[in-house]
């Protein structure tokens, strides 16, 4: 037996070993793919239950007023009901740290109520 025949015999042996290993892997994959949906296994034997498909993913409700509905908001307090006013001014954009431009729009007003014992403090 010359070197070529030895090499061919060795490659055939390696090929046979690889084919056996592939058969083992395919059997393992077939076992892993079995679940209660495609076999007679009980549902409790499923390793991981696949998520159920959602119906109408776009129909999830978003926060706030829904489309076509009027927003329900609390009436703001009057000036005589406000105990403390805190004015906050931004020096730069909080996201990109860029410069801000002055606009003619009215500032946003947030009112916060703090319950302090029995007294109520209203800040603007």
PDB file of N, CA and C in Angstrom:
ATOM      1  N   UNK A   1       0.843  -1.174   0.000  1.00  0.00           N
ATOM      2  CA  UNK A   1       0.000   0.000   0.000  1.00  0.00           C
ATOM      3  C   UNK A   1       0.890   1.240   0.000  1.00  0.00           C
ATOM      4  N   UNK A   2       0.693   2.083  -0.988  1.00  0.00           N
ATOM      5  CA  UNK A   2       1.528   3.275  -1.082  1.00  0.00           C
ATOM      6  C   UNK A   2       0.893   4.431  -0.303  1.00  0.00           C
ATOM      7  N   UNK A   3       1.504   5.599  -0.384  1.00  0.00           N
ATOM      8  CA  UNK A   3       1.080   6.767   0.398  1.00  0.00           C
ATOM      9  C   UNK A   3      -0.309   7.241  -0.014  1.00  0.00           C
ATOM     10  N   UNK A   4      -0.615   7.150  -1.329  1.00  0.00           N
ATOM     11  CA  UNK A   4      -1.931   7.582  -1.796  1.00  0.00           C
ATOM     12  C   UNK A   4      -3.016   6.698  -1.210  1.00  0.00           C
ATOM     13  N   UNK A   5      -2.820   5.413  -1.215  1.00  0.00           N
ATOM     14  CA  UNK A   5      -3.827   4.488  -0.693  1.00  0.00           C
ATOM     15  C   UNK A   5      -4.033   4.687   0.808  1.00  0.00           C
ATOM     16  N   UNK A   6      -2.942   4.945   1.521  1.00  0.00           N
ATOM     17  CA  UNK A   6      -3.050   5.200   2.964  1.00  0.00           C
ATOM     18  C   UNK A   6      -3.863   6.480   3.218  1.00  0.00           C
ATOM     19  N   UNK A   7      -3.562   7.486   2.394  1.00  0.00           N
ATOM     20  CA  UNK A   7      -4.268   8.766   2.558  1.00  0.00           C
ATOM     21  C   UNK A   7      -5.752   8.606   2.239  1.00  0.00           C
ATOM     22  N   UNK A   8      -6.071   7.868   1.184  1.00  0.00           N
ATOM     23  CA  UNK A   8      -7.464   7.628   0.804  1.00  0.00           C
ATOM     24  C   UNK A   8      -8.181   6.866   1.907  1.00  0.00           C
ATOM     25  N   UNK A   9      -7.524   5.860   2.473  1.00  0.00           N
ATOM     26  CA  UNK A   9      -8.127   5.065   3.546  1.00  0.00           C
ATOM     27  C   UNK A   9      -8.382   5.930   4.773  1.00  0.00           C
ATOM     28  N   UNK A  10      -7.419   6.796   5.078  1.00  0.00           N
ATOM     29  CA  UNK A  10      -7.586   7.688   6.236  1.00  0.00           C
ATOM     30  C   UNK A  10      -8.736   8.662   6.004  1.00  0.00           C
ATOM     31  N   UNK A  11      -8.828   9.240   4.797  1.00  0.00           N
ATOM     32  CA  UNK A  11      -9.911  10.171   4.479  1.00  0.00           C
ATOM     33  C   UNK A  11     -11.272   9.478   4.504  1.00  0.00           C
ATOM     34  N   UNK A  12     -11.338   8.229   4.024  1.00  0.00           N
ATOM     35  CA  UNK A  12     -12.598   7.487   4.073  1.00  0.00           C
ATOM     36  C   UNK A  12     -13.014   7.225   5.520  1.00  0.00           C
ATOM     37  N   UNK A  13     -12.023   6.920   6.379  1.00  0.00           N
ATOM     38  CA  UNK A  13     -12.323   6.707   7.797  1.00  0.00           C
ATOM     39  C   UNK A  13     -12.839   8.000   8.436  1.00  0.00           C
ATOM     40  N   UNK A  14     -12.203   9.126   8.113  1.00  0.00           N
ATOM     41  CA  UNK A  14     -12.653  10.421   8.640  1.00  0.00           C
ATOM     42  C   UNK A  14     -14.041  10.768   8.114  1.00  0.00           C
ATOM     43  N   UNK A  15     -14.292  10.475   6.836  1.00  0.00           N
ATOM     44  CA  UNK A  15     -15.606  10.737   6.258  1.00  0.00           C
ATOM     45  C   UNK A  15     -16.674   9.917   6.958  1.00  0.00           C
ATOM     46  N   UNK A  16     -16.381   8.649   7.213  1.00  0.00           N
ATOM     47  CA  UNK A  16     -17.358   7.780   7.896  1.00  0.00           C
ATOM     48  C   UNK A  16     -17.644   8.297   9.303  1.00  0.00           C
ATOM     49  N   UNK A  17     -16.596   8.733  10.015  1.00  0.00           N
ATOM     50  CA  UNK A  17     -16.778   9.271  11.368  1.00  0.00           C
ATOM     51  C   UNK A  17     -17.622  10.546  11.324  1.00  0.00           C
ATOM     52  N   UNK A  18     -17.370  11.413  10.317  1.00  0.00           N
ATOM     53  CA  UNK A  18     -18.127  12.648  10.190  1.00  0.00           C
ATOM     54  C   UNK A  18     -19.589  12.356   9.876  1.00  0.00           C
ATOM     55  N   UNK A  19     -19.845  11.375   8.997  1.00  0.00           N
ATOM     56  CA  UNK A  19     -21.220  11.012   8.670  1.00  0.00           C
ATOM     57  C   UNK A  19     -21.955  10.473   9.896  1.00  0.00           C
ATOM     58  N   UNK A  20     -21.276   9.681  10.728  1.00  0.00           N
ATOM     59  CA  UNK A  20     -21.896   9.173  11.957  1.00  0.00           C
ATOM     60  C   UNK A  20     -22.223  10.327  12.913  1.00  0.00           C
ATOM     61  N   UNK A  21     -21.303  11.279  13.017  1.00  0.00           N
ATOM     62  CA  UNK A  21     -21.515  12.425  13.898  1.00  0.00           C
ATOM     63  C   UNK A  21     -22.696  13.263  13.390  1.00  0.00           C
ATOM     64  N   UNK A  22     -22.788  13.450  12.071  1.00  0.00           N
ATOM     65  CA  UNK A  22     -23.901  14.195  11.491  1.00  0.00           C
ATOM     66  C   UNK A  22     -25.219  13.501  11.799  1.00  0.00           C
ATOM     67  N   UNK A  23     -25.241  12.174  11.702  1.00  0.00           N
ATOM     68  CA  UNK A  23     -26.465  11.418  12.010  1.00  0.00           C
ATOM     69  C   UNK A  23     -26.856  11.618  13.472  1.00  0.00           C
ATOM     70  N   UNK A  24     -25.866  11.624  14.381  1.00  0.00           N
ATOM     71  CA  UNK A  24     -26.153  11.869  15.804  1.00  0.00           C
ATOM     72  C   UNK A  24     -26.757  13.263  15.997  1.00  0.00           C
ATOM     73  N   UNK A  25     -26.163  14.251  15.350  1.00  0.00           N
ATOM     74  CA  UNK A  25     -26.661  15.621  15.485  1.00  0.00           C
ATOM     75  C   UNK A  25     -28.073  15.750  14.925  1.00  0.00           C
ATOM     76  N   UNK A  26     -28.350  15.132  13.790  1.00  0.00           N
ATOM     77  CA  UNK A  26     -29.693  15.201  13.207  1.00  0.00           C
ATOM     78  C   UNK A  26     -30.717  14.548  14.125  1.00  0.00           C
ATOM     79  N   UNK A  27     -30.331  13.435  14.776  1.00  0.00           N
ATOM     80  CA  UNK A  27     -31.245  12.788  15.721  1.00  0.00           C
ATOM     81  C   UNK A  27     -31.503  13.696  16.917  1.00  0.00           C
ATOM     82  N   UNK A  28     -30.458  14.343  17.409  1.00  0.00           N
ATOM     83  CA  UNK A  28     -30.619  15.256  18.551  1.00  0.00           C
ATOM     84  C   UNK A  28     -31.506  16.444  18.165  1.00  0.00           C
ATOM     85  N   UNK A  29     -31.319  16.969  16.961  1.00  0.00           N
ATOM     86  CA  UNK A  29     -32.142  18.095  16.504  1.00  0.00           C
ATOM     87  C   UNK A  29     -33.597  17.667  16.396  1.00  0.00           C
ATOM     88  N   UNK A  30     -33.840  16.479  15.880  1.00  0.00           N
ATOM     89  CA  UNK A  30     -35.215  15.992  15.754  1.00  0.00           C
ATOM     90  C   UNK A  30     -35.875  15.877  17.118  1.00  0.00           C
ATOM     91  N   UNK A  31     -35.115  15.430  18.115  1.00  0.00           N
ATOM     92  CA  UNK A  31     -35.665  15.320  19.474  1.00  0.00           C
ATOM     93  C   UNK A  31     -35.967  16.707  20.034  1.00  0.00           C
ATOM     94  N   UNK A  32     -35.061  17.649  19.804  1.00  0.00           N
ATOM     95  CA  UNK A  32     -35.260  19.007  20.331  1.00  0.00           C
ATOM     96  C   UNK A  32     -36.417  19.721  19.643  1.00  0.00           C
ATOM     97  N   UNK A  33     -36.673  19.403  18.394  1.00  0.00           N
ATOM     98  CA  UNK A  33     -37.760  20.062  17.671  1.00  0.00           C
ATOM     99  C   UNK A  33     -39.128  19.542  18.085  1.00  0.00           C
ATOM    100  N   UNK A  34     -39.172  18.385  18.710  1.00  0.00           N
ATOM    101  CA  UNK A  34     -40.461  17.837  19.129  1.00  0.00           C
ATOM    102  C   UNK A  34     -40.987  18.635  20.311  1.00  0.00           C
ATOM    103  N   UNK A  35     -42.251  18.958  20.251  1.00  0.00           N
ATOM    104  CA  UNK A  35     -42.907  19.591  21.386  1.00  0.00           C
ATOM    105  C   UNK A  35     -44.347  19.117  21.426  1.00  0.00           C
ATOM    106  N   UNK A  36     -45.124  19.669  22.297  1.00  0.00           N
ATOM    107  CA  UNK A  36     -46.498  19.203  22.461  1.00  0.00           C
ATOM    108  C   UNK A  36     -47.367  19.541  21.251  1.00  0.00           C
ATOM    109  N   UNK A  37     -46.913  20.462  20.407  1.00  0.00           N
ATOM    110  CA  UNK A  37     -47.698  20.840  19.235  1.00  0.00           C
ATOM    111  C   UNK A  37     -47.568  19.830  18.095  1.00  0.00           C
ATOM    112  N   UNK A  38     -46.393  19.198  17.969  1.00  0.00           N
ATOM    113  CA  UNK A  38     -46.169  18.318  16.823  1.00  0.00           C
ATOM    114  C   UNK A  38     -45.894  16.861  17.215  1.00  0.00           C
ATOM    115  N   UNK A  39     -46.236  16.478  18.429  1.00  0.00           N
ATOM    116  CA  UNK A  39     -46.049  15.095  18.850  1.00  0.00           C
ATOM    117  C   UNK A  39     -47.067  14.767  19.935  1.00  0.00           C
ATOM    118  N   UNK A  40     -46.957  13.583  20.472  1.00  0.00           N
ATOM    119  CA  UNK A  40     -47.894  13.178  21.526  1.00  0.00           C
ATOM    120  C   UNK A  40     -47.364  13.509  22.919  1.00  0.00           C
ATOM    121  N   UNK A  41     -46.315  14.343  22.991  1.00  0.00           N
ATOM    122  CA  UNK A  41     -45.758  14.727  24.280  1.00  0.00           C
ATOM    123  C   UNK A  41     -46.733  15.642  25.026  1.00  0.00           C
ATOM    124  N   UNK A  42     -46.787  15.556  26.346  1.00  0.00           N
ATOM    125  CA  UNK A  42     -47.633  16.485  27.103  1.00  0.00           C
ATOM    126  C   UNK A  42     -47.003  17.887  27.111  1.00  0.00           C
ATOM    127  N   UNK A  43     -47.813  18.927  27.231  1.00  0.00           N
ATOM    128  CA  UNK A  43     -47.273  20.294  27.213  1.00  0.00           C
ATOM    129  C   UNK A  43     -46.263  20.566  28.322  1.00  0.00           C
ATOM    130  N   UNK A  44     -46.389  19.871  29.438  1.00  0.00           N
ATOM    131  CA  UNK A  44     -45.455  20.123  30.538  1.00  0.00           C
ATOM    132  C   UNK A  44     -44.050  19.650  30.210  1.00  0.00           C
ATOM    133  N   UNK A  45     -43.883  18.819  29.175  1.00  0.00           N
ATOM    134  CA  UNK A  45     -42.554  18.333  28.836  1.00  0.00           C
ATOM    135  C   UNK A  45     -41.826  19.262  27.874  1.00  0.00           C
ATOM    136  N   UNK A  46     -42.486  20.317  27.412  1.00  0.00           N
ATOM    137  CA  UNK A  46     -41.815  21.268  26.525  1.00  0.00           C
ATOM    138  C   UNK A  46     -40.719  21.976  27.304  1.00  0.00           C
ATOM    139  N   UNK A  47     -39.544  22.077  26.691  1.00  0.00           N
ATOM    140  CA  UNK A  47     -38.427  22.760  27.351  1.00  0.00           C
ATOM    141  C   UNK A  47     -38.706  24.257  27.375  1.00  0.00           C
ATOM    142  N   UNK A  48     -38.961  24.795  26.232  1.00  0.00           N
ATOM    143  CA  UNK A  48     -39.260  26.219  26.114  1.00  0.00           C
ATOM    144  C   UNK A  48     -40.538  26.342  25.310  1.00  0.00           C
ATOM    145  N   UNK A  49     -41.508  27.007  25.889  1.00  0.00           N
ATOM    146  CA  UNK A  49     -42.759  27.186  25.167  1.00  0.00           C
ATOM    147  C   UNK A  49     -42.617  28.386  24.240  1.00  0.00           C
ATOM    148  N   UNK A  50     -42.924  28.211  22.964  1.00  0.00           N
ATOM    149  CA  UNK A  50     -42.803  29.345  22.057  1.00  0.00           C
ATOM    150  C   UNK A  50     -43.861  30.397  22.379  1.00  0.00           C
ATOM    151  N   UNK A  51     -43.533  31.682  22.179  1.00  0.00           N
ATOM    152  CA  UNK A  51     -44.522  32.721  22.463  1.00  0.00           C
ATOM    153  C   UNK A  51     -45.707  32.610  21.506  1.00  0.00           C
ATOM    154  N   UNK A  52     -46.871  32.876  22.046  1.00  0.00           N
ATOM    155  CA  UNK A  52     -48.067  32.832  21.217  1.00  0.00           C
ATOM    156  C   UNK A  52     -48.069  34.046  20.299  1.00  0.00           C
ATOM    157  N   UNK A  53     -48.473  33.861  19.049  1.00  0.00           N
ATOM    158  CA  UNK A  53     -48.481  35.013  18.140  1.00  0.00           C
ATOM    159  C   UNK A  53     -49.527  36.031  18.576  1.00  0.00           C
ATOM    160  N   UNK A  54     -49.126  37.294  18.574  1.00  0.00           N
ATOM    161  CA  UNK A  54     -50.047  38.368  18.966  1.00  0.00           C
ATOM    162  C   UNK A  54     -50.953  38.708  17.813  1.00  0.00           C
ATOM    163  N   UNK A  55     -52.171  38.998  18.131  1.00  0.00           N
ATOM    164  CA  UNK A  55     -53.121  39.438  17.122  1.00  0.00           C
ATOM    165  C   UNK A  55     -53.154  40.951  17.146  1.00  0.00           C
ATOM    166  N   UNK A  56     -53.105  41.545  16.004  1.00  0.00           N
ATOM    167  CA  UNK A  56     -53.198  43.001  15.854  1.00  0.00           C
ATOM    168  C   UNK A  56     -52.189  43.724  16.746  1.00  0.00           C
ATOM    169  N   UNK A  57     -50.902  43.558  16.444  1.00  0.00           N
ATOM    170  CA  UNK A  57     -49.870  44.222  17.238  1.00  0.00           C
ATOM    171  C   UNK A  57     -50.028  45.736  17.226  1.00  0.00           C
ATOM    172  N   UNK A  58     -50.592  46.269  16.150  1.00  0.00           N
ATOM    173  CA  UNK A  58     -50.734  47.722  16.047  1.00  0.00           C
ATOM    174  C   UNK A  58     -51.857  48.266  16.920  1.00  0.00           C
ATOM    175  N   UNK A  59     -52.663  47.397  17.509  1.00  0.00           N
ATOM    176  CA  UNK A  59     -53.823  47.854  18.269  1.00  0.00           C
ATOM    177  C   UNK A  59     -53.495  48.077  19.739  1.00  0.00           C
ATOM    178  N   UNK A  60     -52.229  47.922  20.124  1.00  0.00           N
ATOM    179  CA  UNK A  60     -51.876  48.184  21.520  1.00  0.00           C
ATOM    180  C   UNK A  60     -52.150  49.650  21.845  1.00  0.00           C
ATOM    181  N   UNK A  61     -52.698  49.892  23.020  1.00  0.00           N
ATOM    182  CA  UNK A  61     -53.035  51.264  23.400  1.00  0.00           C
ATOM    183  C   UNK A  61     -51.786  52.023  23.815  1.00  0.00           C
ATOM    184  N   UNK A  62     -51.761  53.266  23.439  1.00  0.00           N
ATOM    185  CA  UNK A  62     -50.675  54.141  23.817  1.00  0.00           C
ATOM    186  C   UNK A  62     -51.136  55.011  24.990  1.00  0.00           C
ATOM    187  N   UNK A  63     -50.170  55.601  25.691  1.00  0.00           N
ATOM    188  CA  UNK A  63     -50.470  56.452  26.833  1.00  0.00           C
ATOM    189  C   UNK A  63     -51.142  57.726  26.340  1.00  0.00           C
ATOM    190  N   UNK A  64     -52.084  58.226  27.101  1.00  0.00           N
ATOM    191  CA  UNK A  64     -52.747  59.479  26.775  1.00  0.00           C
ATOM    192  C   UNK A  64     -54.035  59.254  26.017  1.00  0.00           C
ATOM    193  N   UNK A  65     -54.530  60.329  25.444  1.00  0.00           N
ATOM    194  CA  UNK A  65     -55.798  60.257  24.724  1.00  0.00           C
ATOM    195  C   UNK A  65     -55.642  59.371  23.492  1.00  0.00           C
ATOM    196  N   UNK A  66     -56.607  58.528  23.257  1.00  0.00           N
ATOM    197  CA  UNK A  66     -56.586  57.658  22.090  1.00  0.00           C
ATOM    198  C   UNK A  66     -57.039  58.459  20.878  1.00  0.00           C
ATOM    199  N   UNK A  67     -56.674  57.977  19.702  1.00  0.00           N
ATOM    200  CA  UNK A  67     -57.037  58.686  18.474  1.00  0.00           C
ATOM    201  C   UNK A  67     -58.550  58.827  18.395  1.00  0.00           C
ATOM    202  N   UNK A  68     -59.001  60.037  18.117  1.00  0.00           N
ATOM    203  CA  UNK A  68     -60.430  60.287  17.985  1.00  0.00           C
ATOM    204  C   UNK A  68     -61.123  60.598  19.297  1.00  0.00           C
ATOM    205  N   UNK A  69     -60.409  60.538  20.420  1.00  0.00           N
ATOM    206  CA  UNK A  69     -60.998  60.821  21.729  1.00  0.00           C
ATOM    207  C   UNK A  69     -60.447  62.141  22.257  1.00  0.00           C
ATOM    208  N   UNK A  70     -61.255  62.841  23.036  1.00  0.00           N
ATOM    209  CA  UNK A  70     -60.850  64.101  23.630  1.00  0.00           C
ATOM    210  C   UNK A  70     -59.954  63.824  24.833  1.00  0.00           C
ATOM    211  N   UNK A  71     -58.884  64.594  24.957  1.00  0.00           N
ATOM    212  CA  UNK A  71     -57.972  64.424  26.083  1.00  0.00           C
ATOM    213  C   UNK A  71     -58.636  64.908  27.372  1.00  0.00           C
ATOM    214  N   UNK A  72     -58.445  64.181  28.453  1.00  0.00           N
ATOM    215  CA  UNK A  72     -58.985  64.555  29.760  1.00  0.00           C
ATOM    216  C   UNK A  72     -57.827  65.055  30.617  1.00  0.00           C
ATOM    217  N   UNK A  73     -57.802  66.358  30.896  1.00  0.00           N
ATOM    218  CA  UNK A  73     -56.722  66.925  31.692  1.00  0.00           C
ATOM    219  C   UNK A  73     -57.292  67.721  32.846  1.00  0.00           C
ATOM    220  N   UNK A  74     -56.536  67.760  33.948  1.00  0.00           N
ATOM    221  CA  UNK A  74     -56.936  68.501  35.136  1.00  0.00           C
ATOM    222  C   UNK A  74     -56.812  69.999  34.854  1.00  0.00           C
ATOM    223  N   UNK A  75     -57.731  70.772  35.392  1.00  0.00           N
ATOM    224  CA  UNK A  75     -57.677  72.223  35.246  1.00  0.00           C
ATOM    225  C   UNK A  75     -56.505  72.758  36.073  1.00  0.00           C
ATOM    226  N   UNK A  76     -55.695  73.651  35.501  1.00  0.00           N
ATOM    227  CA  UNK A  76     -54.564  74.188  36.272  1.00  0.00           C
ATOM    228  C   UNK A  76     -55.057  75.081  37.409  1.00  0.00           C
ATOM    229  N   UNK A  77     -54.213  75.246  38.426  1.00  0.00           N
ATOM    230  CA  UNK A  77     -54.549  76.099  39.561  1.00  0.00           C
ATOM    231  C   UNK A  77     -54.460  77.560  39.135  1.00  0.00           C
ATOM    232  N   UNK A  78     -55.230  78.399  39.807  1.00  0.00           N
ATOM    233  CA  UNK A  78     -55.192  79.848  39.561  1.00  0.00           C
ATOM    234  C   UNK A  78     -53.953  80.432  40.226  1.00  0.00           C
ATOM    235  N   UNK A  79     -53.580  81.646  39.822  1.00  0.00           N
ATOM    236  CA  UNK A  79     -52.385  82.287  40.378  1.00  0.00           C
ATOM    237  C   UNK A  79     -52.492  82.489  41.885  1.00  0.00           C
ATOM    238  N   UNK A  80     -53.708  82.789  42.402  1.00  0.00           N
ATOM    239  CA  UNK A  80     -53.855  83.019  43.840  1.00  0.00           C
ATOM    240  C   UNK A  80     -53.771  81.715  44.640  1.00  0.00           C
ATOM    241  N   UNK A  81     -53.834  80.574  43.987  1.00  0.00           N
ATOM    242  CA  UNK A  81     -53.740  79.286  44.672  1.00  0.00           C
ATOM    243  C   UNK A  81     -52.306  78.744  44.696  1.00  0.00           C
ATOM    244  N   UNK A  82     -51.384  79.388  43.982  1.00  0.00           N
ATOM    245  CA  UNK A  82     -50.008  78.913  43.872  1.00  0.00           C
ATOM    246  C   UNK A  82     -49.180  79.510  44.997  1.00  0.00           C
ATOM    247  N   UNK A  83     -48.483  78.630  45.743  1.00  0.00           N
ATOM    248  CA  UNK A  83     -47.663  79.063  46.869  1.00  0.00           C
ATOM    249  C   UNK A  83     -46.246  79.428  46.447  1.00  0.00           C
ATOM    250  N   UNK A  84     -45.699  78.733  45.464  1.00  0.00           N
ATOM    251  CA  UNK A  84     -44.307  78.954  45.092  1.00  0.00           C
ATOM    252  C   UNK A  84     -44.164  78.746  43.583  1.00  0.00           C
ATOM    253  N   UNK A  85     -43.407  79.628  42.934  1.00  0.00           N
ATOM    254  CA  UNK A  85     -43.141  79.497  41.503  1.00  0.00           C
ATOM    255  C   UNK A  85     -41.643  79.330  41.313  1.00  0.00           C
ATOM    256  N   UNK A  86     -41.255  78.307  40.604  1.00  0.00           N
ATOM    257  CA  UNK A  86     -39.847  78.045  40.311  1.00  0.00           C
ATOM    258  C   UNK A  86     -39.689  78.136  38.795  1.00  0.00           C
ATOM    259  N   UNK A  87     -38.832  79.051  38.335  1.00  0.00           N
ATOM    260  CA  UNK A  87     -38.622  79.216  36.903  1.00  0.00           C
ATOM    261  C   UNK A  87     -37.320  78.523  36.517  1.00  0.00           C
ATOM    262  N   UNK A  88     -37.416  77.602  35.592  1.00  0.00           N
ATOM    263  CA  UNK A  88     -36.240  76.865  35.128  1.00  0.00           C
ATOM    264  C   UNK A  88     -35.918  77.307  33.712  1.00  0.00           C
ATOM    265  N   UNK A  89     -34.649  77.646  33.466  1.00  0.00           N
ATOM    266  CA  UNK A  89     -34.214  78.038  32.127  1.00  0.00           C
ATOM    267  C   UNK A  89     -33.073  77.121  31.722  1.00  0.00           C
ATOM    268  N   UNK A  90     -33.157  76.618  30.515  1.00  0.00           N
ATOM    269  CA  UNK A  90     -32.112  75.742  29.995  1.00  0.00           C
ATOM    270  C   UNK A  90     -31.002  76.573  29.368  1.00  0.00           C
ATOM    271  N   UNK A  91     -29.771  76.177  29.623  1.00  0.00           N
ATOM    272  CA  UNK A  91     -28.618  76.842  29.024  1.00  0.00           C
ATOM    273  C   UNK A  91     -28.293  76.232  27.663  1.00  0.00           C
ATOM    274  N   UNK A  92     -28.568  74.915  27.527  1.00  0.00           N
ATOM    275  CA  UNK A  92     -28.290  74.216  26.277  1.00  0.00           C
ATOM    276  C   UNK A  92     -29.282  73.063  26.129  1.00  0.00           C
ATOM    277  N   UNK A  93     -29.281  72.471  24.972  1.00  0.00           N
ATOM    278  CA  UNK A  93     -30.185  71.348  24.708  1.00  0.00           C
ATOM    279  C   UNK A  93     -29.785  70.173  25.601  1.00  0.00           C
ATOM    280  N   UNK A  94     -30.732  69.578  26.353  1.00  0.00           N
ATOM    281  CA  UNK A  94     -30.369  68.479  27.240  1.00  0.00           C
ATOM    282  C   UNK A  94     -29.946  67.208  26.499  1.00  0.00           C
ATOM    283  N   UNK A  95     -30.325  67.069  25.235  1.00  0.00           N
ATOM    284  CA  UNK A  95     -29.971  65.860  24.478  1.00  0.00           C
ATOM    285  C   UNK A  95     -28.624  65.998  23.775  1.00  0.00           C
ATOM    286  N   UNK A  96     -28.482  67.071  22.985  1.00  0.00           N
ATOM    287  CA  UNK A  96     -27.271  67.187  22.164  1.00  0.00           C
ATOM    288  C   UNK A  96     -26.286  68.231  22.688  1.00  0.00           C
ATOM    289  N   UNK A  97     -26.650  68.955  23.732  1.00  0.00           N
ATOM    290  CA  UNK A  97     -25.819  70.013  24.328  1.00  0.00           C
ATOM    291  C   UNK A  97     -25.577  71.173  23.365  1.00  0.00           C
ATOM    292  N   UNK A  98     -26.449  71.317  22.352  1.00  0.00           N
ATOM    293  CA  UNK A  98     -26.339  72.411  21.389  1.00  0.00           C
ATOM    294  C   UNK A  98     -26.972  73.677  21.926  1.00  0.00           C
ATOM    295  N   UNK A  99     -26.796  74.754  21.187  1.00  0.00           N
ATOM    296  CA  UNK A  99     -27.357  76.035  21.614  1.00  0.00           C
ATOM    297  C   UNK A  99     -28.866  76.059  21.361  1.00  0.00           C
ATOM    298  N   UNK A 100     -29.552  76.863  22.154  1.00  0.00           N
ATOM    299  CA  UNK A 100     -30.999  76.979  22.046  1.00  0.00           C
ATOM    300  C   UNK A 100     -31.363  78.268  21.340  1.00  0.00           C
ATOM    301  N   UNK A 101     -32.470  78.249  20.633  1.00  0.00           N
ATOM    302  CA  UNK A 101     -32.968  79.460  19.978  1.00  0.00           C
ATOM    303  C   UNK A 101     -34.221  79.928  20.700  1.00  0.00           C
ATOM    304  N   UNK A 102     -34.362  81.239  20.844  1.00  0.00           N
ATOM    305  CA  UNK A 102     -35.512  81.821  21.532  1.00  0.00           C
ATOM    306  C   UNK A 102     -36.700  81.821  20.570  1.00  0.00           C
ATOM    307  N   UNK A 103     -37.846  81.379  21.061  1.00  0.00           N
ATOM    308  CA  UNK A 103     -39.063  81.362  20.249  1.00  0.00           C
ATOM    309  C   UNK A 103     -40.124  82.219  20.923  1.00  0.00           C
ATOM    310  N   UNK A 104     -41.174  82.491  20.200  1.00  0.00           N
ATOM    311  CA  UNK A 104     -42.277  83.295  20.713  1.00  0.00           C
ATOM    312  C   UNK A 104     -43.334  82.436  21.406  1.00  0.00           C
ATOM    313  N   UNK A 105     -43.115  81.123  21.437  1.00  0.00           N
ATOM    314  CA  UNK A 105     -44.094  80.233  22.069  1.00  0.00           C
ATOM    315  C   UNK A 105     -44.136  80.471  23.573  1.00  0.00           C
ATOM    316  N   UNK A 106     -45.306  80.264  24.156  1.00  0.00           N
ATOM    317  CA  UNK A 106     -45.447  80.396  25.609  1.00  0.00           C
ATOM    318  C   UNK A 106     -44.691  79.245  26.277  1.00  0.00           C
ATOM    319  N   UNK A 107     -44.094  79.494  27.429  1.00  0.00           N
ATOM    320  CA  UNK A 107     -43.345  78.420  28.095  1.00  0.00           C
ATOM    321  C   UNK A 107     -44.289  77.317  28.585  1.00  0.00           C
ATOM    322  N   UNK A 108     -43.751  76.124  28.673  1.00  0.00           N
ATOM    323  CA  UNK A 108     -44.535  75.012  29.207  1.00  0.00           C
ATOM    324  C   UNK A 108     -44.628  75.172  30.721  1.00  0.00           C
ATOM    325  N   UNK A 109     -45.814  74.924  31.242  1.00  0.00           N
ATOM    326  CA  UNK A 109     -46.032  75.070  32.675  1.00  0.00           C
ATOM    327  C   UNK A 109     -46.418  73.716  33.245  1.00  0.00           C
ATOM    328  N   UNK A 110     -45.676  73.278  34.257  1.00  0.00           N
ATOM    329  CA  UNK A 110     -45.974  72.047  34.973  1.00  0.00           C
ATOM    330  C   UNK A 110     -46.321  72.420  36.399  1.00  0.00           C
ATOM    331  N   UNK A 111     -47.415  71.915  36.892  1.00  0.00           N
ATOM    332  CA  UNK A 111     -47.808  72.183  38.266  1.00  0.00           C
ATOM    333  C   UNK A 111     -47.693  70.888  39.060  1.00  0.00           C
ATOM    334  N   UNK A 112     -47.089  71.017  40.232  1.00  0.00           N
ATOM    335  CA  UNK A 112     -46.859  69.866  41.092  1.00  0.00           C
ATOM    336  C   UNK A 112     -47.479  70.144  42.448  1.00  0.00           C
ATOM    337  N   UNK A 113     -48.205  69.174  42.954  1.00  0.00           N
ATOM    338  CA  UNK A 113     -48.848  69.315  44.254  1.00  0.00           C
ATOM    339  C   UNK A 113     -48.096  68.437  45.244  1.00  0.00           C
ATOM    340  N   UNK A 114     -47.763  69.024  46.375  1.00  0.00           N
ATOM    341  CA  UNK A 114     -47.062  68.279  47.410  1.00  0.00           C
ATOM    342  C   UNK A 114     -47.925  68.280  48.662  1.00  0.00           C
ATOM    343  N   UNK A 115     -48.234  67.105  49.171  1.00  0.00           N
ATOM    344  CA  UNK A 115     -49.006  67.000  50.408  1.00  0.00           C
ATOM    345  C   UNK A 115     -48.037  67.042  51.575  1.00  0.00           C
ATOM    346  N   UNK A 116     -48.100  68.124  52.354  1.00  0.00           N
ATOM    347  CA  UNK A 116     -47.215  68.302  53.500  1.00  0.00           C
ATOM    348  C   UNK A 116     -48.084  68.313  54.751  1.00  0.00           C
ATOM    349  N   UNK A 117     -48.218  67.162  55.368  1.00  0.00           N
ATOM    350  CA  UNK A 117     -49.106  67.066  56.532  1.00  0.00           C
ATOM    351  C   UNK A 117     -50.528  67.293  56.080  1.00  0.00           C
ATOM    352  N   UNK A 118     -51.174  68.291  56.650  1.00  0.00           N
ATOM    353  CA  UNK A 118     -52.547  68.606  56.252  1.00  0.00           C
ATOM    354  C   UNK A 118     -52.580  69.770  55.268  1.00  0.00           C
ATOM    355  N   UNK A 119     -51.463  70.480  55.149  1.00  0.00           N
ATOM    356  CA  UNK A 119     -51.414  71.629  54.243  1.00  0.00           C
ATOM    357  C   UNK A 119     -51.049  71.151  52.835  1.00  0.00           C
ATOM    358  N   UNK A 120     -51.474  71.931  51.859  1.00  0.00           N
ATOM    359  CA  UNK A 120     -51.149  71.627  50.473  1.00  0.00           C
ATOM    360  C   UNK A 120     -50.282  72.760  49.947  1.00  0.00           C
ATOM    361  N   UNK A 121     -49.175  72.397  49.308  1.00  0.00           N
ATOM    362  CA  UNK A 121     -48.275  73.386  48.703  1.00  0.00           C
ATOM    363  C   UNK A 121     -48.359  73.177  47.198  1.00  0.00           C
ATOM    364  N   UNK A 122     -48.639  74.250  46.476  1.00  0.00           N
ATOM    365  CA  UNK A 122     -48.753  74.175  45.011  1.00  0.00           C
ATOM    366  C   UNK A 122     -47.597  74.953  44.418  1.00  0.00           C
ATOM    367  N   UNK A 123     -46.779  74.300  43.571  1.00  0.00           N
ATOM    368  CA  UNK A 123     -45.639  74.942  42.933  1.00  0.00           C
ATOM    369  C   UNK A 123     -45.887  75.041  41.438  1.00  0.00           C
ATOM    370  N   UNK A 124     -45.406  76.131  40.857  1.00  0.00           N
ATOM    371  CA  UNK A 124     -45.512  76.289  39.390  1.00  0.00           C
ATOM    372  C   UNK A 124     -44.140  76.593  38.857  1.00  0.00           C
TER     373      UNK A 124
END
